């Protein structure tokens, strides 16, 4: 039986709206994210999925509505105040510093914002790289790695924390198209890693992902949300994808050009 703490959302979006110029991206969206969620946001391109991630990460301001982190209303952006729980984001293009080695990328936040010694950070970096299967790549530069390897480095960076500061440990990871542009085998490696990091006490047990890739959605999601027209149009388990009669979901997974989703030519 779930405790009251487990029933309470870690993250809650209430009436969230966001526009860019005259283009309405999110229109009065409500969304609850719970501890242990493996949530994947799906829908056509340009429907606000990545926008939701950036709002949750505190990188993008709201036009209307509120966001609550562990029951605490966030005011402004992430730099305007400290959230009551750690949230990390893995960007679609990995967003590594090309001029830094893999080890320097993974340890960057600790070098900048902790009083840990060089040796302590080096050991933490080695541990995180081992977790993503890249233990021998610390001295290499991002340009020397494949696309899948760069994604894994970004995962290692996202779960890095200061063991002397429990508040720095991320409890939620946001993944923006983590398998985009990867071949099927590299995608499987990333999908497996997402699940492995969820299941280890050294990783993060809650994640929200944006994906268009069928295998990624089916292998990493427990709960799926379909976003279209600025609103949440359907929510269900990954098993319900093949049984729902929702026409948006049916068209999306059949890749049909005929249906309620407008085809952009």
C-alpha atoms as a PDB file:
ATOM      1  CA  UNK A   1       0.000   0.000   0.000  1.00  0.00           C
ATOM      2  CA  UNK A   2       1.379   3.426  -0.961  1.00  0.00           C
ATOM      3  CA  UNK A   3       2.266   5.846   1.817  1.00  0.00           C
ATOM      4  CA  UNK A   4       0.882   9.375   1.778  1.00  0.00           C
ATOM      5  CA  UNK A   5       4.325  10.620   0.715  1.00  0.00           C
ATOM      6  CA  UNK A   6       4.363   8.236  -2.250  1.00  0.00           C
ATOM      7  CA  UNK A   7       0.850   9.337  -3.274  1.00  0.00           C
ATOM      8  CA  UNK A   8       1.896  12.995  -3.319  1.00  0.00           C
ATOM      9  CA  UNK A   9       3.312  14.101  -6.691  1.00  0.00           C
ATOM     10  CA  UNK A  10       7.010  14.903  -6.794  1.00  0.00           C
ATOM     11  CA  UNK A  11       6.229  17.417  -9.523  1.00  0.00           C
ATOM     12  CA  UNK A  12       2.868  18.992 -10.317  1.00  0.00           C
ATOM     13  CA  UNK A  13       1.997  21.271 -13.232  1.00  0.00           C
ATOM     14  CA  UNK A  14      -1.244  23.186 -12.737  1.00  0.00           C
ATOM     15  CA  UNK A  15      -2.853  25.133 -15.573  1.00  0.00           C
ATOM     16  CA  UNK A  16       0.471  25.589 -17.354  1.00  0.00           C
ATOM     17  CA  UNK A  17       0.365  27.614 -20.568  1.00  0.00           C
ATOM     18  CA  UNK A  18       3.200  28.676 -22.858  1.00  0.00           C
ATOM     19  CA  UNK A  19       3.240  30.510 -26.177  1.00  0.00           C
ATOM     20  CA  UNK A  20       5.954  31.660 -28.532  1.00  0.00           C
ATOM     21  CA  UNK A  21       4.602  34.704 -30.321  1.00  0.00           C
ATOM     22  CA  UNK A  22       1.145  33.792 -31.608  1.00  0.00           C
ATOM     23  CA  UNK A  23       1.918  30.066 -31.468  1.00  0.00           C
ATOM     24  CA  UNK A  24       0.247  28.408 -28.477  1.00  0.00           C
ATOM     25  CA  UNK A  25       2.463  25.499 -27.402  1.00  0.00           C
ATOM     26  CA  UNK A  26       0.884  24.498 -24.080  1.00  0.00           C
ATOM     27  CA  UNK A  27      -2.707  25.345 -23.214  1.00  0.00           C
ATOM     28  CA  UNK A  28      -3.735  24.980 -19.570  1.00  0.00           C
ATOM     29  CA  UNK A  29      -1.886  21.692 -19.000  1.00  0.00           C
ATOM     30  CA  UNK A  30      -2.199  19.748 -15.724  1.00  0.00           C
ATOM     31  CA  UNK A  31       0.349  17.008 -15.073  1.00  0.00           C
ATOM     32  CA  UNK A  32       1.366  15.009 -11.991  1.00  0.00           C
ATOM     33  CA  UNK A  33       4.665  13.110 -11.792  1.00  0.00           C
ATOM     34  CA  UNK A  34       5.052  10.589  -8.979  1.00  0.00           C
ATOM     35  CA  UNK A  35       8.034   8.977  -7.299  1.00  0.00           C
ATOM     36  CA  UNK A  36       9.110   5.962  -9.351  1.00  0.00           C
ATOM     37  CA  UNK A  37       7.386   7.172 -12.520  1.00  0.00           C
ATOM     38  CA  UNK A  38       8.762   6.032 -15.869  1.00  0.00           C
ATOM     39  CA  UNK A  39       6.795   8.549 -17.898  1.00  0.00           C
ATOM     40  CA  UNK A  40       7.171   9.105 -21.645  1.00  0.00           C
ATOM     41  CA  UNK A  41       5.640  12.097 -23.426  1.00  0.00           C
ATOM     42  CA  UNK A  42       4.705  11.383 -27.032  1.00  0.00           C
ATOM     43  CA  UNK A  43       2.996  13.182 -29.904  1.00  0.00           C
ATOM     44  CA  UNK A  44       3.832  14.894 -33.186  1.00  0.00           C
ATOM     45  CA  UNK A  45       6.793  17.257 -33.464  1.00  0.00           C
ATOM     46  CA  UNK A  46       6.224  20.802 -32.265  1.00  0.00           C
ATOM     47  CA  UNK A  47       3.487  19.991 -29.759  1.00  0.00           C
ATOM     48  CA  UNK A  48       5.278  21.120 -26.602  1.00  0.00           C
ATOM     49  CA  UNK A  49       6.877  17.945 -25.271  1.00  0.00           C
ATOM     50  CA  UNK A  50      10.382  19.374 -24.949  1.00  0.00           C
ATOM     51  CA  UNK A  51       8.845  22.618 -23.699  1.00  0.00           C
ATOM     52  CA  UNK A  52       7.356  20.712 -20.763  1.00  0.00           C
ATOM     53  CA  UNK A  53      10.783  19.258 -19.930  1.00  0.00           C
ATOM     54  CA  UNK A  54      12.375  22.701 -19.957  1.00  0.00           C
ATOM     55  CA  UNK A  55       9.629  24.097 -17.754  1.00  0.00           C
ATOM     56  CA  UNK A  56      10.102  21.245 -15.263  1.00  0.00           C
ATOM     57  CA  UNK A  57      13.870  21.818 -15.333  1.00  0.00           C
ATOM     58  CA  UNK A  58      13.324  25.483 -14.530  1.00  0.00           C
ATOM     59  CA  UNK A  59      14.916  26.639 -17.782  1.00  0.00           C
ATOM     60  CA  UNK A  60      11.815  28.222 -19.302  1.00  0.00           C
ATOM     61  CA  UNK A  61       9.312  30.617 -17.685  1.00  0.00           C
ATOM     62  CA  UNK A  62       5.578  29.979 -17.630  1.00  0.00           C
ATOM     63  CA  UNK A  63       3.087  32.334 -19.235  1.00  0.00           C
ATOM     64  CA  UNK A  64       0.314  31.100 -16.938  1.00  0.00           C
ATOM     65  CA  UNK A  65      -0.117  28.444 -14.284  1.00  0.00           C
ATOM     66  CA  UNK A  66       2.080  27.041 -11.547  1.00  0.00           C
ATOM     67  CA  UNK A  67       4.637  24.306 -10.976  1.00  0.00           C
ATOM     68  CA  UNK A  68       5.084  22.605  -7.610  1.00  0.00           C
ATOM     69  CA  UNK A  69       8.202  20.644  -6.647  1.00  0.00           C
ATOM     70  CA  UNK A  70       7.601  18.323  -3.662  1.00  0.00           C
ATOM     71  CA  UNK A  71       4.574  20.457  -2.805  1.00  0.00           C
ATOM     72  CA  UNK A  72       6.554  23.705  -2.902  1.00  0.00           C
ATOM     73  CA  UNK A  73       5.551  26.301  -5.492  1.00  0.00           C
ATOM     74  CA  UNK A  74       8.467  27.311  -7.680  1.00  0.00           C
ATOM     75  CA  UNK A  75       8.934  31.037  -8.124  1.00  0.00           C
ATOM     76  CA  UNK A  76      10.791  32.058 -11.257  1.00  0.00           C
ATOM     77  CA  UNK A  77      13.465  29.925 -12.914  1.00  0.00           C
ATOM     78  CA  UNK A  78      15.924  27.453 -11.428  1.00  0.00           C
ATOM     79  CA  UNK A  79      18.524  30.165 -10.793  1.00  0.00           C
ATOM     80  CA  UNK A  80      15.998  32.190  -8.796  1.00  0.00           C
ATOM     81  CA  UNK A  81      15.767  29.658  -5.973  1.00  0.00           C
ATOM     82  CA  UNK A  82      16.722  26.154  -4.909  1.00  0.00           C
ATOM     83  CA  UNK A  83      14.246  23.355  -5.563  1.00  0.00           C
ATOM     84  CA  UNK A  84      13.500  20.941  -2.675  1.00  0.00           C
ATOM     85  CA  UNK A  85      14.666  18.022  -4.839  1.00  0.00           C
ATOM     86  CA  UNK A  86      17.309  17.538  -7.505  1.00  0.00           C
ATOM     87  CA  UNK A  87      16.287  17.520 -11.172  1.00  0.00           C
ATOM     88  CA  UNK A  88      18.744  16.725 -13.984  1.00  0.00           C
ATOM     89  CA  UNK A  89      18.263  16.943 -17.724  1.00  0.00           C
ATOM     90  CA  UNK A  90      19.815  14.967 -20.567  1.00  0.00           C
ATOM     91  CA  UNK A  91      19.618  17.058 -23.738  1.00  0.00           C
ATOM     92  CA  UNK A  92      18.909  15.626 -27.173  1.00  0.00           C
ATOM     93  CA  UNK A  93      22.353  16.474 -28.552  1.00  0.00           C
ATOM     94  CA  UNK A  94      24.191  15.477 -25.331  1.00  0.00           C
ATOM     95  CA  UNK A  95      25.398  19.114 -24.914  1.00  0.00           C
ATOM     96  CA  UNK A  96      28.947  18.182 -23.916  1.00  0.00           C
ATOM     97  CA  UNK A  97      31.787  20.703 -23.817  1.00  0.00           C
ATOM     98  CA  UNK A  98      33.935  19.858 -26.833  1.00  0.00           C
ATOM     99  CA  UNK A  99      37.071  21.388 -25.300  1.00  0.00           C
ATOM    100  CA  UNK A 100      36.843  19.269 -22.133  1.00  0.00           C
ATOM    101  CA  UNK A 101      37.649  15.590 -21.741  1.00  0.00           C
ATOM    102  CA  UNK A 102      34.935  13.089 -20.922  1.00  0.00           C
ATOM    103  CA  UNK A 103      36.033  13.063 -17.272  1.00  0.00           C
ATOM    104  CA  UNK A 104      36.015  16.860 -17.092  1.00  0.00           C
ATOM    105  CA  UNK A 105      32.512  16.949 -18.609  1.00  0.00           C
ATOM    106  CA  UNK A 106      31.148  14.428 -16.123  1.00  0.00           C
ATOM    107  CA  UNK A 107      32.781  16.119 -13.122  1.00  0.00           C
ATOM    108  CA  UNK A 108      32.109  19.674 -14.298  1.00  0.00           C
ATOM    109  CA  UNK A 109      29.452  20.579 -11.719  1.00  0.00           C
ATOM    110  CA  UNK A 110      31.579  19.289  -8.836  1.00  0.00           C
ATOM    111  CA  UNK A 111      34.677  21.145 -10.032  1.00  0.00           C
ATOM    112  CA  UNK A 112      32.607  24.321 -10.200  1.00  0.00           C
ATOM    113  CA  UNK A 113      30.335  24.017  -7.180  1.00  0.00           C
ATOM    114  CA  UNK A 114      31.892  21.774  -4.528  1.00  0.00           C
ATOM    115  CA  UNK A 115      34.863  21.771  -2.173  1.00  0.00           C
ATOM    116  CA  UNK A 116      35.734  18.158  -2.971  1.00  0.00           C
ATOM    117  CA  UNK A 117      39.358  17.424  -3.753  1.00  0.00           C
ATOM    118  CA  UNK A 118      40.516  16.616  -7.265  1.00  0.00           C
ATOM    119  CA  UNK A 119      41.084  13.000  -6.233  1.00  0.00           C
ATOM    120  CA  UNK A 120      37.593  12.685  -4.723  1.00  0.00           C
ATOM    121  CA  UNK A 121      35.979  14.057  -7.887  1.00  0.00           C
ATOM    122  CA  UNK A 122      38.149  11.808 -10.057  1.00  0.00           C
ATOM    123  CA  UNK A 123      36.911   8.747  -8.149  1.00  0.00           C
ATOM    124  CA  UNK A 124      33.265   9.839  -8.419  1.00  0.00           C
ATOM    125  CA  UNK A 125      33.681  10.411 -12.155  1.00  0.00           C
ATOM    126  CA  UNK A 126      35.197   6.946 -12.588  1.00  0.00           C
ATOM    127  CA  UNK A 127      32.245   5.422 -10.707  1.00  0.00           C
ATOM    128  CA  UNK A 128      29.667   7.184 -12.878  1.00  0.00           C
ATOM    129  CA  UNK A 129      31.474   6.297 -16.105  1.00  0.00           C
ATOM    130  CA  UNK A 130      31.618   2.673 -14.982  1.00  0.00           C
ATOM    131  CA  UNK A 131      27.864   2.784 -14.399  1.00  0.00           C
ATOM    132  CA  UNK A 132      27.259   3.750 -18.042  1.00  0.00           C
ATOM    133  CA  UNK A 133      29.825   1.305 -19.399  1.00  0.00           C
ATOM    134  CA  UNK A 134      32.470   3.885 -20.310  1.00  0.00           C
ATOM    135  CA  UNK A 135      35.055   3.388 -17.584  1.00  0.00           C
ATOM    136  CA  UNK A 136      38.060   3.691 -19.921  1.00  0.00           C
ATOM    137  CA  UNK A 137      37.030   6.839 -21.802  1.00  0.00           C
ATOM    138  CA  UNK A 138      37.796   9.568 -19.258  1.00  0.00           C
ATOM    139  CA  UNK A 139      40.819  10.943 -21.119  1.00  0.00           C
ATOM    140  CA  UNK A 140      39.070  11.099 -24.489  1.00  0.00           C
ATOM    141  CA  UNK A 141      37.277  14.102 -25.994  1.00  0.00           C
ATOM    142  CA  UNK A 142      33.622  14.085 -27.137  1.00  0.00           C
ATOM    143  CA  UNK A 143      34.656  14.261 -30.806  1.00  0.00           C
ATOM    144  CA  UNK A 144      36.417  10.899 -30.366  1.00  0.00           C
ATOM    145  CA  UNK A 145      33.204   9.158 -29.292  1.00  0.00           C
ATOM    146  CA  UNK A 146      30.257   7.745 -31.220  1.00  0.00           C
ATOM    147  CA  UNK A 147      26.823   9.335 -30.868  1.00  0.00           C
ATOM    148  CA  UNK A 148      25.664   6.618 -28.482  1.00  0.00           C
ATOM    149  CA  UNK A 149      28.764   6.992 -26.333  1.00  0.00           C
ATOM    150  CA  UNK A 150      28.263  10.744 -26.089  1.00  0.00           C
ATOM    151  CA  UNK A 151      24.687  10.130 -24.939  1.00  0.00           C
ATOM    152  CA  UNK A 152      25.985   7.803 -22.222  1.00  0.00           C
ATOM    153  CA  UNK A 153      28.507  10.415 -21.084  1.00  0.00           C
ATOM    154  CA  UNK A 154      25.630  12.879 -20.738  1.00  0.00           C
ATOM    155  CA  UNK A 155      23.805  10.294 -18.607  1.00  0.00           C
ATOM    156  CA  UNK A 156      26.837   9.994 -16.322  1.00  0.00           C
ATOM    157  CA  UNK A 157      26.936  13.774 -15.964  1.00  0.00           C
ATOM    158  CA  UNK A 158      23.209  13.939 -15.205  1.00  0.00           C
ATOM    159  CA  UNK A 159      23.446  11.530 -12.253  1.00  0.00           C
ATOM    160  CA  UNK A 160      26.579  13.083 -10.762  1.00  0.00           C
ATOM    161  CA  UNK A 161      26.183  14.440  -7.249  1.00  0.00           C
ATOM    162  CA  UNK A 162      28.209  15.466  -4.233  1.00  0.00           C
ATOM    163  CA  UNK A 163      28.124  12.652  -1.621  1.00  0.00           C
ATOM    164  CA  UNK A 164      28.678  15.268   1.094  1.00  0.00           C
ATOM    165  CA  UNK A 165      25.546  17.126  -0.002  1.00  0.00           C
ATOM    166  CA  UNK A 166      22.511  14.845  -0.195  1.00  0.00           C
ATOM    167  CA  UNK A 167      20.420  17.670  -1.667  1.00  0.00           C
ATOM    168  CA  UNK A 168      22.619  17.657  -4.779  1.00  0.00           C
ATOM    169  CA  UNK A 169      21.574  14.126  -5.704  1.00  0.00           C
ATOM    170  CA  UNK A 170      19.070  14.222  -8.582  1.00  0.00           C
ATOM    171  CA  UNK A 171      15.830  12.396  -7.845  1.00  0.00           C
ATOM    172  CA  UNK A 172      14.319  13.063 -11.262  1.00  0.00           C
ATOM    173  CA  UNK A 173      15.985  12.834 -14.681  1.00  0.00           C
ATOM    174  CA  UNK A 174      14.496  14.457 -17.775  1.00  0.00           C
ATOM    175  CA  UNK A 175      15.462  12.812 -21.074  1.00  0.00           C
ATOM    176  CA  UNK A 176      14.896  14.743 -24.303  1.00  0.00           C
ATOM    177  CA  UNK A 177      14.902  12.259 -27.214  1.00  0.00           C
ATOM    178  CA  UNK A 178      17.782  10.150 -25.815  1.00  0.00           C
ATOM    179  CA  UNK A 179      17.805   7.743 -28.795  1.00  0.00           C
ATOM    180  CA  UNK A 180      17.311  10.290 -31.579  1.00  0.00           C
ATOM    181  CA  UNK A 181      19.708   9.703 -34.468  1.00  0.00           C
ATOM    182  CA  UNK A 182      21.028   6.393 -33.116  1.00  0.00           C
ATOM    183  CA  UNK A 183      21.000   3.054 -34.903  1.00  0.00           C
ATOM    184  CA  UNK A 184      18.772   0.283 -33.463  1.00  0.00           C
ATOM    185  CA  UNK A 185      21.589  -1.411 -31.534  1.00  0.00           C
ATOM    186  CA  UNK A 186      22.853   1.842 -29.998  1.00  0.00           C
ATOM    187  CA  UNK A 187      19.236   2.710 -29.146  1.00  0.00           C
ATOM    188  CA  UNK A 188      18.814  -0.583 -27.306  1.00  0.00           C
ATOM    189  CA  UNK A 189      21.953   0.155 -25.261  1.00  0.00           C
ATOM    190  CA  UNK A 190      20.526   3.545 -24.253  1.00  0.00           C
ATOM    191  CA  UNK A 191      17.071   2.110 -23.488  1.00  0.00           C
ATOM    192  CA  UNK A 192      18.577  -0.574 -21.270  1.00  0.00           C
ATOM    193  CA  UNK A 193      20.715   2.019 -19.514  1.00  0.00           C
ATOM    194  CA  UNK A 194      17.701   4.222 -18.741  1.00  0.00           C
ATOM    195  CA  UNK A 195      16.023   1.292 -17.014  1.00  0.00           C
ATOM    196  CA  UNK A 196      19.203   0.194 -15.226  1.00  0.00           C
ATOM    197  CA  UNK A 197      19.768   3.671 -13.801  1.00  0.00           C
ATOM    198  CA  UNK A 198      16.171   3.707 -12.570  1.00  0.00           C
ATOM    199  CA  UNK A 199      16.642   0.437 -10.719  1.00  0.00           C
ATOM    200  CA  UNK A 200      19.923   1.206  -8.954  1.00  0.00           C
ATOM    201  CA  UNK A 201      20.176   3.196  -5.735  1.00  0.00           C
ATOM    202  CA  UNK A 202      23.054   5.109  -7.342  1.00  0.00           C
ATOM    203  CA  UNK A 203      20.836   6.264 -10.192  1.00  0.00           C
ATOM    204  CA  UNK A 204      17.515   8.094 -10.259  1.00  0.00           C
ATOM    205  CA  UNK A 205      14.254   6.264  -9.677  1.00  0.00           C
ATOM    206  CA  UNK A 206      11.992   8.731 -11.479  1.00  0.00           C
ATOM    207  CA  UNK A 207      12.222   9.961 -15.037  1.00  0.00           C
ATOM    208  CA  UNK A 208      10.282  11.832 -17.690  1.00  0.00           C
ATOM    209  CA  UNK A 209      11.234  11.245 -21.306  1.00  0.00           C
ATOM    210  CA  UNK A 210      10.311  12.698 -24.674  1.00  0.00           C
ATOM    211  CA  UNK A 211      10.545  10.225 -27.539  1.00  0.00           C
ATOM    212  CA  UNK A 212       9.191   9.577 -31.034  1.00  0.00           C
ATOM    213  CA  UNK A 213      10.898   6.193 -31.395  1.00  0.00           C
ATOM    214  CA  UNK A 214       8.564   3.218 -31.082  1.00  0.00           C
ATOM    215  CA  UNK A 215      11.049   0.843 -29.448  1.00  0.00           C
ATOM    216  CA  UNK A 216      12.162   3.478 -26.949  1.00  0.00           C
ATOM    217  CA  UNK A 217       8.595   4.269 -25.944  1.00  0.00           C
ATOM    218  CA  UNK A 218       7.705   0.611 -25.476  1.00  0.00           C
ATOM    219  CA  UNK A 219      10.910  -0.371 -23.633  1.00  0.00           C
ATOM    220  CA  UNK A 220      11.253   2.600 -21.277  1.00  0.00           C
ATOM    221  CA  UNK A 221       7.678   3.704 -20.491  1.00  0.00           C
ATOM    222  CA  UNK A 222       5.367   2.526 -17.767  1.00  0.00           C
ATOM    223  CA  UNK A 223       3.030   5.477 -18.269  1.00  0.00           C
ATOM    224  CA  UNK A 224       2.498   7.285 -21.583  1.00  0.00           C
ATOM    225  CA  UNK A 225       1.023  10.731 -22.211  1.00  0.00           C
ATOM    226  CA  UNK A 226      -0.013  11.919 -25.677  1.00  0.00           C
ATOM    227  CA  UNK A 227       0.292  15.651 -26.242  1.00  0.00           C
ATOM    228  CA  UNK A 228      -1.353  17.402 -29.185  1.00  0.00           C
ATOM    229  CA  UNK A 229      -2.826  20.835 -29.764  1.00  0.00           C
ATOM    230  CA  UNK A 230      -1.269  22.121 -26.576  1.00  0.00           C
ATOM    231  CA  UNK A 231      -3.241  19.691 -24.424  1.00  0.00           C
ATOM    232  CA  UNK A 232      -2.913  16.197 -22.987  1.00  0.00           C
ATOM    233  CA  UNK A 233      -5.162  14.128 -25.250  1.00  0.00           C
ATOM    234  CA  UNK A 234      -4.584  10.630 -23.834  1.00  0.00           C
ATOM    235  CA  UNK A 235      -2.842   8.936 -20.949  1.00  0.00           C
ATOM    236  CA  UNK A 236      -2.398   5.225 -20.369  1.00  0.00           C
ATOM    237  CA  UNK A 237       0.002   2.389 -19.716  1.00  0.00           C
ATOM    238  CA  UNK A 238       2.444   1.242 -22.369  1.00  0.00           C
ATOM    239  CA  UNK A 239       0.354  -1.935 -22.751  1.00  0.00           C
ATOM    240  CA  UNK A 240      -2.706   0.157 -23.659  1.00  0.00           C
ATOM    241  CA  UNK A 241      -0.994   1.625 -26.723  1.00  0.00           C
ATOM    242  CA  UNK A 242      -2.168  -1.322 -28.837  1.00  0.00           C
ATOM    243  CA  UNK A 243      -5.678  -1.543 -27.381  1.00  0.00           C
ATOM    244  CA  UNK A 244      -6.828   2.071 -27.121  1.00  0.00           C
ATOM    245  CA  UNK A 245      -9.345   3.366 -29.641  1.00  0.00           C
ATOM    246  CA  UNK A 246      -8.044   6.932 -29.297  1.00  0.00           C
ATOM    247  CA  UNK A 247      -7.684   8.064 -32.940  1.00  0.00           C
ATOM    248  CA  UNK A 248      -4.629  10.233 -32.235  1.00  0.00           C
ATOM    249  CA  UNK A 249      -2.702   7.343 -30.693  1.00  0.00           C
ATOM    250  CA  UNK A 250      -3.807   4.964 -33.418  1.00  0.00           C
ATOM    251  CA  UNK A 251      -2.660   7.338 -36.174  1.00  0.00           C
ATOM    252  CA  UNK A 252       0.644   8.124 -34.447  1.00  0.00           C
ATOM    253  CA  UNK A 253       1.713   4.507 -34.055  1.00  0.00           C
ATOM    254  CA  UNK A 254       0.478   3.442 -37.481  1.00  0.00           C
ATOM    255  CA  UNK A 255       2.355   6.367 -39.094  1.00  0.00           C
ATOM    256  CA  UNK A 256      -0.726   7.058 -41.209  1.00  0.00           C
ATOM    257  CA  UNK A 257      -1.147  10.393 -42.984  1.00  0.00           C
ATOM    258  CA  UNK A 258      -4.914  10.088 -42.588  1.00  0.00           C
ATOM    259  CA  UNK A 259      -6.515  10.975 -39.293  1.00  0.00           C
ATOM    260  CA  UNK A 260      -6.990  13.834 -36.811  1.00  0.00           C
ATOM    261  CA  UNK A 261      -3.283  14.712 -36.670  1.00  0.00           C
ATOM    262  CA  UNK A 262      -2.649  17.379 -39.287  1.00  0.00           C
ATOM    263  CA  UNK A 263       0.181  16.548 -41.683  1.00  0.00           C
ATOM    264  CA  UNK A 264       2.648  19.409 -42.116  1.00  0.00           C
ATOM    265  CA  UNK A 265       3.759  19.594 -45.746  1.00  0.00           C
END
